[in-house]
C-alpha atoms as a PDB file:
ATOM      1  CA  MET A   1      12.936 -21.207  -2.733  1.00  0.00           C
ATOM      2  CA  ASN A   2      10.245 -19.362  -0.849  1.00  0.00           C
ATOM      3  CA  LEU A   3      10.267 -15.564  -0.878  1.00  0.00           C
ATOM      4  CA  VAL A   4       7.695 -13.708   1.181  1.00  0.00           C
ATOM      5  CA  PRO A   5       7.045  -9.976   1.005  1.00  0.00           C
ATOM      6  CA  ILE A   6       7.854  -8.096   4.211  1.00  0.00           C
ATOM      7  CA  GLY A   7       6.041  -4.953   3.121  1.00  0.00           C
ATOM      8  CA  ILE A   8       4.779  -2.823   0.291  1.00  0.00           C
ATOM      9  CA  ILE A   9       5.990   0.345  -1.432  1.00  0.00           C
ATOM     10  CA  HIS A  10       3.664   3.328  -1.722  1.00  0.00           C
ATOM     11  CA  SER A  11       4.958   5.166  -4.780  1.00  0.00           C
ATOM     12  CA  PRO A  12       3.918   8.172  -6.861  1.00  0.00           C
ATOM     13  CA  TYR A  13       4.574   5.986  -9.939  1.00  0.00           C
ATOM     14  CA  ARG A  14       1.425   4.036 -10.820  1.00  0.00           C
ATOM     15  CA  GLU A  15       2.530   2.688 -14.217  1.00  0.00           C
ATOM     16  CA  THR A  16       5.854   1.757 -15.800  1.00  0.00           C
ATOM     17  CA  LYS A  17       5.743   4.831 -18.047  1.00  0.00           C
ATOM     18  CA  ASP A  18       5.602   7.055 -14.935  1.00  0.00           C
ATOM     19  CA  ALA A  19       8.822   5.731 -13.379  1.00  0.00           C
ATOM     20  CA  PRO A  20      12.210   7.286 -14.118  1.00  0.00           C
ATOM     21  CA  PRO A  21      15.049   5.096 -15.400  1.00  0.00           C
ATOM     22  CA  GLN A  22      17.031   5.810 -12.208  1.00  0.00           C
ATOM     23  CA  GLY A  23      15.311   6.878  -9.020  1.00  0.00           C
ATOM     24  CA  ARG A  24      18.491   8.272  -7.412  1.00  0.00           C
ATOM     25  CA  MET A  25      18.200  11.242  -9.750  1.00  0.00           C
ATOM     26  CA  LYS A  26      14.697  12.186  -8.527  1.00  0.00           C
ATOM     27  CA  MET A  27      13.459  13.832  -5.343  1.00  0.00           C
ATOM     28  CA  ASP A  28      10.104  12.038  -5.078  1.00  0.00           C
ATOM     29  CA  VAL A  29       9.225  10.744  -1.614  1.00  0.00           C
ATOM     30  CA  PHE A  30       8.026   7.172  -1.089  1.00  0.00           C
ATOM     31  CA  THR A  31       6.551   5.381   1.903  1.00  0.00           C
ATOM     32  CA  ILE A  32       7.662   1.842   2.565  1.00  0.00           C
ATOM     33  CA  GLU A  33       5.144   0.057   4.756  1.00  0.00           C
ATOM     34  CA  ILE A  34       6.624  -2.897   6.608  1.00  0.00           C
ATOM     35  CA  PHE A  35       4.011  -5.456   7.603  1.00  0.00           C
ATOM     36  CA  GLU A  36       3.385  -5.590  11.355  1.00  0.00           C
ATOM     37  CA  LYS A  37       4.661  -9.188  11.501  1.00  0.00           C
ATOM     38  CA  TYR A  38       8.144  -7.905  10.527  1.00  0.00           C
ATOM     39  CA  SER A  39       8.161  -4.508  12.264  1.00  0.00           C
ATOM     40  CA  ALA A  40      10.402  -5.709  15.136  1.00  0.00           C
ATOM     41  CA  GLY A  41      13.129  -6.032  12.495  1.00  0.00           C
ATOM     42  CA  LEU A  42      13.145  -2.228  12.132  1.00  0.00           C
ATOM     43  CA  LYS A  43      14.695  -1.702  15.587  1.00  0.00           C
ATOM     44  CA  ASP A  44      17.575   0.829  15.344  1.00  0.00           C
ATOM     45  CA  LEU A  45      16.985   1.434  11.626  1.00  0.00           C
ATOM     46  CA  GLU A  46      16.661   5.183  12.204  1.00  0.00           C
ATOM     47  CA  MET A  47      20.362   5.184  13.142  1.00  0.00           C
ATOM     48  CA  VAL A  48      21.354   4.782   9.466  1.00  0.00           C
ATOM     49  CA  SER A  49      21.080   7.403   6.738  1.00  0.00           C
ATOM     50  CA  HIS A  50      20.714   5.161   3.672  1.00  0.00           C
ATOM     51  CA  LEU A  51      19.120   1.805   2.944  1.00  0.00           C
ATOM     52  CA  ILE A  52      19.337  -0.884   0.302  1.00  0.00           C
ATOM     53  CA  VAL A  53      15.756  -1.825  -0.553  1.00  0.00           C
ATOM     54  CA  LEU A  54      15.211  -5.080  -2.427  1.00  0.00           C
ATOM     55  CA  TYR A  55      11.819  -5.374  -4.048  1.00  0.00           C
ATOM     56  CA  TRP A  56       9.931  -7.472  -6.602  1.00  0.00           C
ATOM     57  CA  CYS A  57       9.060  -5.955  -9.984  1.00  0.00           C
ATOM     58  CA  ASP A  58       5.702  -7.700 -10.108  1.00  0.00           C
ATOM     59  CA  ARG A  59       4.719  -6.119 -13.437  1.00  0.00           C
ATOM     60  CA  ALA A  60       7.961  -6.945 -15.275  1.00  0.00           C
ATOM     61  CA  GLN A  61       8.263  -9.256 -18.249  1.00  0.00           C
ATOM     62  CA  ARG A  62      10.141 -12.400 -17.217  1.00  0.00           C
ATOM     63  CA  ASP A  63      10.914 -13.859 -20.641  1.00  0.00           C
ATOM     64  CA  LEU A  64      13.291 -11.217 -22.016  1.00  0.00           C
ATOM     65  CA  LEU A  65      17.002 -12.022 -22.218  1.00  0.00           C
ATOM     66  CA  GLN A  66      17.984  -9.037 -24.360  1.00  0.00           C
ATOM     67  CA  VAL A  67      16.743  -5.495 -23.796  1.00  0.00           C
ATOM     68  CA  THR A  68      17.423  -1.908 -24.769  1.00  0.00           C
ATOM     69  CA  THR A  69      18.134   0.691 -22.114  1.00  0.00           C
ATOM     70  CA  PRO A  70      16.989   4.298 -21.755  1.00  0.00           C
ATOM     71  CA  TRP A  71      20.600   5.258 -22.508  1.00  0.00           C
ATOM     72  CA  ASP A  72      20.896   3.826 -26.041  1.00  0.00           C
ATOM     73  CA  THR A  73      18.990   1.800 -28.656  1.00  0.00           C
ATOM     74  CA  LYS A  74      21.371  -1.159 -28.887  1.00  0.00           C
ATOM     75  CA  LEU A  75      20.307  -4.600 -27.601  1.00  0.00           C
ATOM     76  CA  HIS A  76      22.163  -5.756 -24.486  1.00  0.00           C
ATOM     77  CA  GLY A  77      21.988  -8.980 -22.511  1.00  0.00           C
ATOM     78  CA  VAL A  78      19.603  -8.419 -19.615  1.00  0.00           C
ATOM     79  CA  PHE A  79      22.298  -9.339 -17.067  1.00  0.00           C
ATOM     80  CA  ALA A  80      24.486  -6.483 -18.378  1.00  0.00           C
ATOM     81  CA  THR A  81      21.686  -3.991 -17.613  1.00  0.00           C
ATOM     82  CA  ARG A  82      19.491  -2.882 -14.735  1.00  0.00           C
ATOM     83  CA  SER A  83      16.298  -3.526 -16.646  1.00  0.00           C
ATOM     84  CA  PRO A  84      13.373  -4.631 -14.463  1.00  0.00           C
ATOM     85  CA  HIS A  85      12.494  -7.152 -17.175  1.00  0.00           C
ATOM     86  CA  ARG A  86      14.440 -10.309 -16.295  1.00  0.00           C
ATOM     87  CA  PRO A  87      13.815 -13.957 -15.328  1.00  0.00           C
ATOM     88  CA  ASN A  88      13.730 -13.082 -11.607  1.00  0.00           C
ATOM     89  CA  PRO A  89      12.693  -9.426 -11.434  1.00  0.00           C
ATOM     90  CA  ILE A  90      14.410  -8.524  -8.171  1.00  0.00           C
ATOM     91  CA  ALA A  91      15.249  -4.840  -8.034  1.00  0.00           C
ATOM     92  CA  PHE A  92      17.189  -2.747  -5.595  1.00  0.00           C
ATOM     93  CA  ASN A  93      17.459   0.908  -4.794  1.00  0.00           C
ATOM     94  CA  VAL A  94      19.855   2.698  -2.498  1.00  0.00           C
ATOM     95  CA  VAL A  95      17.595   5.216  -0.793  1.00  0.00           C
ATOM     96  CA  ASP A  96      17.882   8.120   1.634  1.00  0.00           C
ATOM     97  CA  LEU A  97      16.019   7.314   4.850  1.00  0.00           C
ATOM     98  CA  LEU A  98      14.134  10.524   5.666  1.00  0.00           C
ATOM     99  CA  GLU A  99      12.194   9.280   8.675  1.00  0.00           C
ATOM    100  CA  ARG A 100      10.779   6.255  10.416  1.00  0.00           C
ATOM    101  CA  LYS A 101       7.404   6.320  12.139  1.00  0.00           C
ATOM    102  CA  GLY A 102       6.622   2.893  13.530  1.00  0.00           C
ATOM    103  CA  ASN A 103       6.442   0.513  10.581  1.00  0.00           C
ATOM    104  CA  LEU A 104       6.447   3.315   7.970  1.00  0.00           C
ATOM    105  CA  LEU A 105       9.654   4.499   6.307  1.00  0.00           C
ATOM    106  CA  LYS A 106       9.788   7.740   4.328  1.00  0.00           C
ATOM    107  CA  VAL A 107      12.517   7.491   1.689  1.00  0.00           C
ATOM    108  CA  LYS A 108      13.687   9.140  -1.523  1.00  0.00           C
ATOM    109  CA  GLY A 109      15.755   7.843  -4.413  1.00  0.00           C
ATOM    110  CA  MET A 110      13.490   5.056  -5.686  1.00  0.00           C
ATOM    111  CA  ASP A 111      12.021   4.115  -9.035  1.00  0.00           C
ATOM    112  CA  ALA A 112       9.604   1.406  -7.818  1.00  0.00           C
ATOM    113  CA  LEU A 113       6.000   1.242  -8.928  1.00  0.00           C
ATOM    114  CA  ASP A 114       3.152   1.679  -6.457  1.00  0.00           C
ATOM    115  CA  LYS A 115       2.311  -1.491  -4.506  1.00  0.00           C
ATOM    116  CA  SER A 116       5.605  -3.223  -5.377  1.00  0.00           C
ATOM    117  CA  PRO A 117       6.312  -5.945  -2.787  1.00  0.00           C
ATOM    118  CA  VAL A 118       9.339  -5.378  -0.524  1.00  0.00           C
ATOM    119  CA  LEU A 119      11.606  -8.424  -0.165  1.00  0.00           C
ATOM    120  CA  ASP A 120      14.276  -7.091   2.191  1.00  0.00           C
ATOM    121  CA  ILE A 121      15.919  -3.987   3.621  1.00  0.00           C
ATOM    122  CA  LYS A 122      19.584  -3.676   4.519  1.00  0.00           C
ATOM    123  CA  PRO A 123      21.630  -0.753   5.820  1.00  0.00           C
ATOM    124  CA  TYR A 124      23.853   0.816   3.172  1.00  0.00           C
ATOM    125  CA  ASN A 125      27.485   1.195   4.237  1.00  0.00           C
ATOM    126  CA  SER A 126      29.764   3.348   2.097  1.00  0.00           C
ATOM    127  CA  GLN A 127      32.848   1.565   3.426  1.00  0.00           C
ATOM    128  CA  ILE A 128      31.810  -1.847   2.106  1.00  0.00           C
ATOM    129  CA  ASP A 129      29.129  -1.175  -0.536  1.00  0.00           C
ATOM    130  CA  VAL A 130      31.147   1.153  -2.784  1.00  0.00           C
ATOM    131  CA  VAL A 131      33.584  -0.201  -5.343  1.00  0.00           C
ATOM    132  CA  LEU A 132      35.668   2.704  -6.578  1.00  0.00           C
ATOM    133  CA  ASN A 133      36.365   2.747 -10.319  1.00  0.00           C
ATOM    134  CA  ALA A 134      34.071  -0.213 -10.992  1.00  0.00           C
ATOM    135  CA  LYS A 135      33.714  -0.911 -14.706  1.00  0.00           C
ATOM    136  CA  GLY A 136      30.261  -0.857 -16.318  1.00  0.00           C
ATOM    137  CA  LEU A 137      28.867  -0.450 -19.791  1.00  0.00           C
ATOM    138  CA  GLY A 138      29.204   3.301 -19.365  1.00  0.00           C
ATOM    139  CA  LEU A 139      25.880   3.943 -21.080  1.00  0.00           C
ATOM    140  CA  PHE A 140      24.381   6.027 -18.298  1.00  0.00           C
ATOM    141  CA  GLU A 141      27.520   8.130 -17.922  1.00  0.00           C
ATOM    142  CA  LYS A 142      27.657   8.743 -21.695  1.00  0.00           C
ATOM    143  CA  TRP A 143      23.952   9.663 -21.790  1.00  0.00           C
ATOM    144  CA  ARG A 144      24.316  11.997 -18.801  1.00  0.00           C
ATOM    145  CA  LYS A 145      27.244  13.879 -20.359  1.00  0.00           C
ATOM    146  CA  GLU A 146      25.327  14.292 -23.618  1.00  0.00           C
ATOM    147  CA  ASN A 147      22.215  15.577 -21.809  1.00  0.00           C
ATOM    148  CA  GLU A 148      23.771  18.020 -19.318  1.00  0.00           C
END
């Protein structure tokens, strides 16, 4: 397996403690810089409103198999959570594409740390990427109701 970064994320979050548990809830603006070598792959990207950004959590711990979440204090298996700390710390965010200028993408809805390597970008499609009534642990929903 050979993954190569296609770009880098310029984020207001410099350290893990600065990042929110879910970027979709924040309004911070990020710049995704796609390396010139891959910029031809951005053709027609401005025609979509939302993107799936896959990136590498290069500062994550890779040896944790059980973690706690921001939503409760109970230990959960890492694969039942969205923790960045996992054997292969691949993360994704569904982001709002605000603008494209050449190889620079202005987006919001992320929780990535500054200088995180970008692995891939895909267009988000609400007709195929949404699973209505999908079952999860429900921790975020429970936390949100308690903190509204």
